[in-house]
Amino acid sequence: MIFAAGLGTRLGPITRAMPKALVDVGGRSLLERVASRLVAAGADRLIINVHHHGDLVAEAVERLALPVEVRLSFESVLLETGGGLLHALPFFRRNAPFLIHNVDVLSDVDLRALLASRQAADALVTLAVHARESARLLLFDDEGLCGRRDGVAGGDRLVRTAHGPVRALAFAGIHAAAPELFDRISERGKFSIMEAYLRLAREERITAYDVTGVRWHEIGTPERLEQARRAYPAV
């Protein structure tokens, strides 16, 4: 699933007339780049949630003519990541693990290895994470996700007793999940999937896949967009 419903307000005037998913980086839209990587990793169906200028995303998907089935999950109101995932539930086959990928993240993260890491750990979810500065960090111990560090409010929030050393790592916007995840989510309406993960971490294995050092760009501001365009020039 590609999360592509956000307003992209931090990009300023760039996203007033288009969705962030269609912002160009090196001659290709963010959506095309992310979709192509997911297909290359073995995805045979793509689910894309849309809201802001959703009609333009639908038209772009038609033009891309991707070699896999594509389903669009339209949100009349923004539901955040958790609500967006549940809203798209009718499009999931629920017979195999799946990847979730933010449309504004470009990277060289090995998506097949991320899926394999989740399977090897027998985890409900495995999060791609890395060591970088961020206002919000996730806390992991020897068993997996155990809390969050909030640099804005200050302090650590542990959701269970930590076992072994605790590492603070930033979420990279890509996760691999078992289909059973849907049975474990009790939240409804508009909510962050990360809040659900933190609740589930009390009883379920939610592990980290460390991608520190791998090329990674989150296109959240005009400055970061320019950085990505330098890293992914037109060919």
C-alpha atoms as a PDB file:
ATOM      1  CA  MET A   1       0.000   0.000   0.000  1.00  0.00           C
ATOM      2  CA  ILE A   2       1.199   3.504  -0.821  1.00  0.00           C
ATOM      3  CA  PHE A   3       0.148   6.274   1.564  1.00  0.00           C
ATOM      4  CA  ALA A   4      -0.531   9.192  -0.785  1.00  0.00           C
ATOM      5  CA  ALA A   5      -3.493  11.037   0.762  1.00  0.00           C
ATOM      6  CA  GLY A   6      -1.621  13.826   2.544  1.00  0.00           C
ATOM      7  CA  LEU A   7      -2.034  17.488   1.708  1.00  0.00           C
ATOM      8  CA  GLY A   8       1.687  18.189   1.395  1.00  0.00           C
ATOM      9  CA  THR A   9       1.252  21.631   2.959  1.00  0.00           C
ATOM     10  CA  ARG A  10       4.922  21.911   3.954  1.00  0.00           C
ATOM     11  CA  LEU A  11       5.816  22.016   0.259  1.00  0.00           C
ATOM     12  CA  GLY A  12       3.999  25.337   0.001  1.00  0.00           C
ATOM     13  CA  PRO A  13       2.731  26.474  -3.407  1.00  0.00           C
ATOM     14  CA  ILE A  14       4.058  23.339  -5.137  1.00  0.00           C
ATOM     15  CA  THR A  15       1.146  21.232  -3.881  1.00  0.00           C
ATOM     16  CA  ARG A  16      -1.671  23.750  -4.183  1.00  0.00           C
ATOM     17  CA  ALA A  17      -2.552  22.567  -7.665  1.00  0.00           C
ATOM     18  CA  MET A  18      -1.271  18.995  -7.483  1.00  0.00           C
ATOM     19  CA  PRO A  19      -0.963  16.197  -4.929  1.00  0.00           C
ATOM     20  CA  LYS A  20       2.439  15.495  -3.423  1.00  0.00           C
ATOM     21  CA  ALA A  21       2.354  12.084  -5.123  1.00  0.00           C
ATOM     22  CA  LEU A  22       2.783  13.774  -8.515  1.00  0.00           C
ATOM     23  CA  VAL A  23       5.682  16.041  -7.597  1.00  0.00           C
ATOM     24  CA  ASP A  24       8.488  15.517 -10.093  1.00  0.00           C
ATOM     25  CA  VAL A  25      11.914  14.220  -9.117  1.00  0.00           C
ATOM     26  CA  GLY A  26      14.298  13.629 -12.000  1.00  0.00           C
ATOM     27  CA  GLY A  27      11.578  13.438 -14.630  1.00  0.00           C
ATOM     28  CA  ARG A  28       9.401  10.940 -12.730  1.00  0.00           C
ATOM     29  CA  SER A  29       6.710  11.519 -10.140  1.00  0.00           C
ATOM     30  CA  LEU A  30       7.142  10.346  -6.573  1.00  0.00           C
ATOM     31  CA  LEU A  31       4.254   7.955  -7.159  1.00  0.00           C
ATOM     32  CA  GLU A  32       5.893   6.404 -10.201  1.00  0.00           C
ATOM     33  CA  ARG A  33       9.197   5.966  -8.407  1.00  0.00           C
ATOM     34  CA  VAL A  34       7.667   4.347  -5.321  1.00  0.00           C
ATOM     35  CA  ALA A  35       5.268   2.166  -7.318  1.00  0.00           C
ATOM     36  CA  SER A  36       8.082   0.925  -9.559  1.00  0.00           C
ATOM     37  CA  ARG A  37      10.184  -0.071  -6.566  1.00  0.00           C
ATOM     38  CA  LEU A  38       7.288  -1.955  -4.982  1.00  0.00           C
ATOM     39  CA  VAL A  39       6.604  -3.829  -8.219  1.00  0.00           C
ATOM     40  CA  ALA A  40      10.308  -4.665  -8.528  1.00  0.00           C
ATOM     41  CA  ALA A  41      10.180  -6.062  -4.982  1.00  0.00           C
ATOM     42  CA  GLY A  42       7.447  -8.486  -6.014  1.00  0.00           C
ATOM     43  CA  ALA A  43       4.185  -6.625  -5.399  1.00  0.00           C
ATOM     44  CA  ASP A  44       1.427  -7.852  -7.729  1.00  0.00           C
ATOM     45  CA  ARG A  45      -1.216  -5.406  -6.478  1.00  0.00           C
ATOM     46  CA  LEU A  46      -0.883  -1.786  -5.426  1.00  0.00           C
ATOM     47  CA  ILE A  47      -3.350  -0.004  -3.162  1.00  0.00           C
ATOM     48  CA  ILE A  48      -3.032   3.785  -3.099  1.00  0.00           C
ATOM     49  CA  ASN A  49      -5.001   5.980  -0.731  1.00  0.00           C
ATOM     50  CA  VAL A  50      -5.859   9.413  -2.102  1.00  0.00           C
ATOM     51  CA  HIS A  51      -7.601  12.574  -0.947  1.00  0.00           C
ATOM     52  CA  HIS A  52      -6.024  15.870  -2.060  1.00  0.00           C
ATOM     53  CA  HIS A  53      -6.486  16.117  -5.876  1.00  0.00           C
ATOM     54  CA  GLY A  54      -7.351  12.429  -5.938  1.00  0.00           C
ATOM     55  CA  ASP A  55      -8.702  12.748  -9.476  1.00  0.00           C
ATOM     56  CA  LEU A  56      -5.245  13.765 -10.690  1.00  0.00           C
ATOM     57  CA  VAL A  57      -3.714  10.710  -9.044  1.00  0.00           C
ATOM     58  CA  ALA A  58      -6.293   8.489 -10.741  1.00  0.00           C
ATOM     59  CA  GLU A  59      -5.437  10.022 -14.123  1.00  0.00           C
ATOM     60  CA  ALA A  60      -1.719   9.588 -13.477  1.00  0.00           C
ATOM     61  CA  VAL A  61      -2.190   5.916 -12.595  1.00  0.00           C
ATOM     62  CA  GLU A  62      -3.964   5.381 -15.924  1.00  0.00           C
ATOM     63  CA  ARG A  63      -1.096   7.009 -17.803  1.00  0.00           C
ATOM     64  CA  LEU A  64       1.538   4.977 -15.960  1.00  0.00           C
ATOM     65  CA  ALA A  65      -0.021   1.695 -17.094  1.00  0.00           C
ATOM     66  CA  LEU A  66       1.680  -0.213 -14.313  1.00  0.00           C
ATOM     67  CA  PRO A  67       2.092  -3.962 -14.934  1.00  0.00           C
ATOM     68  CA  VAL A  68       0.060  -4.886 -11.826  1.00  0.00           C
ATOM     69  CA  GLU A  69      -3.453  -4.363 -10.542  1.00  0.00           C
ATOM     70  CA  VAL A  70      -3.945  -0.950  -8.926  1.00  0.00           C
ATOM     71  CA  ARG A  71      -6.762  -0.039  -6.525  1.00  0.00           C
ATOM     72  CA  LEU A  72      -7.420   3.515  -5.351  1.00  0.00           C
ATOM     73  CA  SER A  73      -8.849   4.084  -1.879  1.00  0.00           C
ATOM     74  CA  PHE A  74     -10.522   7.495  -1.910  1.00  0.00           C
ATOM     75  CA  GLU A  75     -10.856   9.297   1.417  1.00  0.00           C
ATOM     76  CA  SER A  76     -13.490  12.023   1.620  1.00  0.00           C
ATOM     77  CA  VAL A  77     -11.765  13.240   4.785  1.00  0.00           C
ATOM     78  CA  LEU A  78      -8.198  12.623   5.848  1.00  0.00           C
ATOM     79  CA  LEU A  79      -7.986   9.562   8.091  1.00  0.00           C
ATOM     80  CA  GLU A  80      -4.238   9.626   8.859  1.00  0.00           C
ATOM     81  CA  THR A  81      -2.150   6.506   8.357  1.00  0.00           C
ATOM     82  CA  GLY A  82      -4.039   4.088  10.582  1.00  0.00           C
ATOM     83  CA  GLY A  83      -7.475   5.173   9.484  1.00  0.00           C
ATOM     84  CA  GLY A  84      -6.338   5.183   5.874  1.00  0.00           C
ATOM     85  CA  LEU A  85      -5.076   1.617   6.147  1.00  0.00           C
ATOM     86  CA  LEU A  86      -8.376   0.381   7.616  1.00  0.00           C
ATOM     87  CA  HIS A  87     -10.387   2.325   5.047  1.00  0.00           C
ATOM     88  CA  ALA A  88      -8.527   0.421   2.307  1.00  0.00           C
ATOM     89  CA  LEU A  89      -9.151  -2.976   3.953  1.00  0.00           C
ATOM     90  CA  PRO A  90     -11.671  -4.123   1.287  1.00  0.00           C
ATOM     91  CA  PHE A  91      -8.867  -4.029  -1.285  1.00  0.00           C
ATOM     92  CA  PHE A  92      -6.561  -6.348   0.663  1.00  0.00           C
ATOM     93  CA  ARG A  93      -6.562 -10.090  -0.036  1.00  0.00           C
ATOM     94  CA  ARG A  94      -5.166 -10.835   3.453  1.00  0.00           C
ATOM     95  CA  ASN A  95      -3.391 -14.031   2.393  1.00  0.00           C
ATOM     96  CA  ALA A  96       0.218 -12.801   2.470  1.00  0.00           C
ATOM     97  CA  PRO A  97       2.508 -10.197   4.071  1.00  0.00           C
ATOM     98  CA  PHE A  98       2.453  -6.744   2.533  1.00  0.00           C
ATOM     99  CA  LEU A  99       4.504  -3.563   2.357  1.00  0.00           C
ATOM    100  CA  ILE A 100       3.352  -0.082   3.355  1.00  0.00           C
ATOM    101  CA  HIS A 101       5.308   2.797   1.813  1.00  0.00           C
ATOM    102  CA  ASN A 102       4.951   6.574   2.183  1.00  0.00           C
ATOM    103  CA  VAL A 103       4.736   8.204  -1.238  1.00  0.00           C
ATOM    104  CA  ASP A 104       7.119  10.995  -0.180  1.00  0.00           C
ATOM    105  CA  VAL A 105       9.992   8.634   0.664  1.00  0.00           C
ATOM    106  CA  LEU A 106      12.635   7.795  -1.936  1.00  0.00           C
ATOM    107  CA  SER A 107      15.327   5.350  -0.921  1.00  0.00           C
ATOM    108  CA  ASP A 108      17.526   2.413  -1.806  1.00  0.00           C
ATOM    109  CA  VAL A 109      16.119   0.335   1.060  1.00  0.00           C
ATOM    110  CA  ASP A 110      16.074  -3.359   0.089  1.00  0.00           C
ATOM    111  CA  LEU A 111      12.330  -4.031   0.225  1.00  0.00           C
ATOM    112  CA  ARG A 112      12.685  -7.786  -0.262  1.00  0.00           C
ATOM    113  CA  ALA A 113      15.131  -7.907   2.635  1.00  0.00           C
ATOM    114  CA  LEU A 114      12.671  -5.946   4.771  1.00  0.00           C
ATOM    115  CA  LEU A 115       9.990  -8.541   4.060  1.00  0.00           C
ATOM    116  CA  ALA A 116      12.438 -11.354   4.798  1.00  0.00           C
ATOM    117  CA  SER A 117      13.433  -9.713   8.080  1.00  0.00           C
ATOM    118  CA  ARG A 118       9.817  -9.649   9.227  1.00  0.00           C
ATOM    119  CA  GLN A 119       9.346 -13.291   8.313  1.00  0.00           C
ATOM    120  CA  ALA A 120      12.579 -14.387  10.023  1.00  0.00           C
ATOM    121  CA  ALA A 121      11.586 -12.597  13.215  1.00  0.00           C
ATOM    122  CA  ASP A 122       8.006 -13.918  13.021  1.00  0.00           C
ATOM    123  CA  ALA A 123       6.954 -10.339  13.728  1.00  0.00           C
ATOM    124  CA  LEU A 124       3.528  -8.801  13.260  1.00  0.00           C
ATOM    125  CA  VAL A 125       5.234  -5.733  11.769  1.00  0.00           C
ATOM    126  CA  THR A 126       8.806  -4.788  10.924  1.00  0.00           C
ATOM    127  CA  LEU A 127       9.666  -1.103  10.605  1.00  0.00           C
ATOM    128  CA  ALA A 128      12.475   0.287   8.478  1.00  0.00           C
ATOM    129  CA  VAL A 129      14.368   2.631  10.804  1.00  0.00           C
ATOM    130  CA  HIS A 130      17.657   4.469  10.871  1.00  0.00           C
ATOM    131  CA  ALA A 131      19.875   6.637  13.016  1.00  0.00           C
ATOM    132  CA  ARG A 132      19.114  10.269  12.164  1.00  0.00           C
ATOM    133  CA  GLU A 133      17.977  13.402  13.924  1.00  0.00           C
ATOM    134  CA  SER A 134      14.222  13.623  14.341  1.00  0.00           C
ATOM    135  CA  ALA A 135      11.788  15.283  16.715  1.00  0.00           C
ATOM    136  CA  ARG A 136      10.198  11.882  17.303  1.00  0.00           C
ATOM    137  CA  LEU A 137      12.130   8.659  17.683  1.00  0.00           C
ATOM    138  CA  LEU A 138      11.049   5.085  18.271  1.00  0.00           C
ATOM    139  CA  LEU A 139      12.578   3.045  21.084  1.00  0.00           C
ATOM    140  CA  PHE A 140      13.645  -0.559  20.515  1.00  0.00           C
ATOM    141  CA  ASP A 141      15.056  -3.143  22.928  1.00  0.00           C
ATOM    142  CA  ASP A 142      16.218  -6.730  22.351  1.00  0.00           C
ATOM    143  CA  GLU A 143      12.650  -7.846  21.640  1.00  0.00           C
ATOM    144  CA  GLY A 144      11.444  -4.999  19.450  1.00  0.00           C
ATOM    145  CA  LEU A 145       9.446  -1.800  19.721  1.00  0.00           C
ATOM    146  CA  CYS A 146       9.046  -0.715  23.330  1.00  0.00           C
ATOM    147  CA  GLY A 147       8.298   3.016  23.239  1.00  0.00           C
ATOM    148  CA  ARG A 148       8.758   6.444  21.770  1.00  0.00           C
ATOM    149  CA  ARG A 149      10.955   9.467  22.443  1.00  0.00           C
ATOM    150  CA  ASP A 150       9.236  12.815  21.941  1.00  0.00           C
ATOM    151  CA  GLY A 151      11.724  15.605  21.379  1.00  0.00           C
ATOM    152  CA  VAL A 152       8.935  18.183  21.322  1.00  0.00           C
ATOM    153  CA  ALA A 153       7.139  17.316  24.563  1.00  0.00           C
ATOM    154  CA  GLY A 154      10.292  15.834  26.060  1.00  0.00           C
ATOM    155  CA  GLY A 155      10.966  12.463  27.630  1.00  0.00           C
ATOM    156  CA  ASP A 156      10.592   8.804  26.749  1.00  0.00           C
ATOM    157  CA  ARG A 157       7.315   6.919  26.727  1.00  0.00           C
ATOM    158  CA  LEU A 158       7.755   3.207  27.352  1.00  0.00           C
ATOM    159  CA  VAL A 159       4.773   1.009  26.589  1.00  0.00           C
ATOM    160  CA  ARG A 160       6.287  -2.013  28.325  1.00  0.00           C
ATOM    161  CA  THR A 161       9.300  -2.970  30.390  1.00  0.00           C
ATOM    162  CA  ALA A 162      12.457  -2.795  28.310  1.00  0.00           C
ATOM    163  CA  HIS A 163      14.636  -5.898  27.973  1.00  0.00           C
ATOM    164  CA  GLY A 164      18.272  -5.086  27.346  1.00  0.00           C
ATOM    165  CA  PRO A 165      19.722  -1.872  25.916  1.00  0.00           C
ATOM    166  CA  VAL A 166      17.294   0.601  24.378  1.00  0.00           C
ATOM    167  CA  ARG A 167      18.055   2.234  21.027  1.00  0.00           C
ATOM    168  CA  ALA A 168      16.362   5.365  19.697  1.00  0.00           C
ATOM    169  CA  LEU A 169      15.846   5.235  15.928  1.00  0.00           C
ATOM    170  CA  ALA A 170      13.828   7.260  13.427  1.00  0.00           C
ATOM    171  CA  PHE A 171      11.098   5.671  11.333  1.00  0.00           C
ATOM    172  CA  ALA A 172      11.953   5.628   7.629  1.00  0.00           C
ATOM    173  CA  GLY A 173       8.372   5.555   6.319  1.00  0.00           C
ATOM    174  CA  ILE A 174       8.401   1.928   5.114  1.00  0.00           C
ATOM    175  CA  HIS A 175       6.996  -1.100   6.933  1.00  0.00           C
ATOM    176  CA  ALA A 176       6.301  -4.774   6.299  1.00  0.00           C
ATOM    177  CA  ALA A 177       3.266  -6.340   7.976  1.00  0.00           C
ATOM    178  CA  ALA A 178       1.623  -9.710   8.380  1.00  0.00           C
ATOM    179  CA  PRO A 179      -2.011  -9.894   7.214  1.00  0.00           C
ATOM    180  CA  GLU A 180      -2.995 -10.612  10.828  1.00  0.00           C
ATOM    181  CA  LEU A 181      -2.318  -6.945  11.565  1.00  0.00           C
ATOM    182  CA  PHE A 182      -5.884  -6.105  10.573  1.00  0.00           C
ATOM    183  CA  ASP A 183      -7.235  -8.442  13.253  1.00  0.00           C
ATOM    184  CA  ARG A 184      -5.132  -6.724  15.915  1.00  0.00           C
ATOM    185  CA  ILE A 185      -6.127  -3.131  15.190  1.00  0.00           C
ATOM    186  CA  SER A 186      -8.944  -2.024  17.482  1.00  0.00           C
ATOM    187  CA  GLU A 187      -8.681   1.704  16.741  1.00  0.00           C
ATOM    188  CA  ARG A 188     -11.291   3.251  14.482  1.00  0.00           C
ATOM    189  CA  GLY A 189     -11.800   6.508  12.611  1.00  0.00           C
ATOM    190  CA  LYS A 190      -8.878   8.883  12.214  1.00  0.00           C
ATOM    191  CA  PHE A 191      -5.692   7.685  13.916  1.00  0.00           C
ATOM    192  CA  SER A 192      -1.971   7.207  13.407  1.00  0.00           C
ATOM    193  CA  ILE A 193      -0.811   3.681  12.658  1.00  0.00           C
ATOM    194  CA  MET A 194       2.175   4.359  14.913  1.00  0.00           C
ATOM    195  CA  GLU A 195      -0.128   4.780  17.909  1.00  0.00           C
ATOM    196  CA  ALA A 196      -1.632   1.396  17.104  1.00  0.00           C
ATOM    197  CA  TYR A 197       1.852  -0.113  16.835  1.00  0.00           C
ATOM    198  CA  LEU A 198       2.837   1.294  20.220  1.00  0.00           C
ATOM    199  CA  ARG A 199      -0.255  -0.232  21.803  1.00  0.00           C
ATOM    200  CA  LEU A 200       0.294  -3.557  20.073  1.00  0.00           C
ATOM    201  CA  ALA A 201       3.966  -3.633  21.115  1.00  0.00           C
ATOM    202  CA  ARG A 202       2.861  -4.595  24.614  1.00  0.00           C
ATOM    203  CA  GLU A 203       1.861  -8.038  23.348  1.00  0.00           C
ATOM    204  CA  GLU A 204       3.064  -8.399  19.751  1.00  0.00           C
ATOM    205  CA  ARG A 205       6.509  -8.465  18.148  1.00  0.00           C
ATOM    206  CA  ILE A 206       7.143  -5.277  16.208  1.00  0.00           C
ATOM    207  CA  THR A 207      10.753  -5.318  15.113  1.00  0.00           C
ATOM    208  CA  ALA A 208      13.271  -2.951  13.581  1.00  0.00           C
ATOM    209  CA  TYR A 209      15.041  -3.277  10.250  1.00  0.00           C
ATOM    210  CA  ASP A 210      17.993  -0.910  10.467  1.00  0.00           C
ATOM    211  CA  VAL A 211      18.706   0.913   7.196  1.00  0.00           C
ATOM    212  CA  THR A 212      21.206   3.415   8.593  1.00  0.00           C
ATOM    213  CA  GLY A 213      23.547   4.573   5.839  1.00  0.00           C
ATOM    214  CA  VAL A 214      21.241   3.600   2.978  1.00  0.00           C
ATOM    215  CA  ARG A 215      20.354   6.421   0.575  1.00  0.00           C
ATOM    216  CA  TRP A 216      17.059   7.878   1.816  1.00  0.00           C
ATOM    217  CA  HIS A 217      15.115  11.080   1.190  1.00  0.00           C
ATOM    218  CA  GLU A 218      11.830  12.259   2.711  1.00  0.00           C
ATOM    219  CA  ILE A 219      10.311  14.968   0.533  1.00  0.00           C
ATOM    220  CA  GLY A 220       8.578  17.076   3.147  1.00  0.00           C
ATOM    221  CA  THR A 221       9.835  20.586   2.424  1.00  0.00           C
ATOM    222  CA  PRO A 222      11.063  22.526  -0.641  1.00  0.00           C
ATOM    223  CA  GLU A 223      14.621  22.182   0.671  1.00  0.00           C
ATOM    224  CA  ARG A 224      14.334  18.411   0.956  1.00  0.00           C
ATOM    225  CA  LEU A 225      12.752  18.252  -2.481  1.00  0.00           C
ATOM    226  CA  GLU A 226      15.762  20.008  -3.978  1.00  0.00           C
ATOM    227  CA  GLN A 227      18.088  17.601  -2.158  1.00  0.00           C
ATOM    228  CA  ALA A 228      16.177  14.664  -3.642  1.00  0.00           C
ATOM    229  CA  ARG A 229      16.319  16.178  -7.105  1.00  0.00           C
ATOM    230  CA  ARG A 230      20.095  16.450  -6.832  1.00  0.00           C
ATOM    231  CA  ALA A 231      20.289  12.827  -5.670  1.00  0.00           C
ATOM    232  CA  TYR A 232      17.943  11.558  -8.416  1.00  0.00           C
ATOM    233  CA  PRO A 233      18.765  13.592 -11.529  1.00  0.00           C
ATOM    234  CA  ALA A 234      16.948  13.071 -14.814  1.00  0.00           C
ATOM    235  CA  VAL A 235      18.511  10.424 -17.058  1.00  0.00           C
END
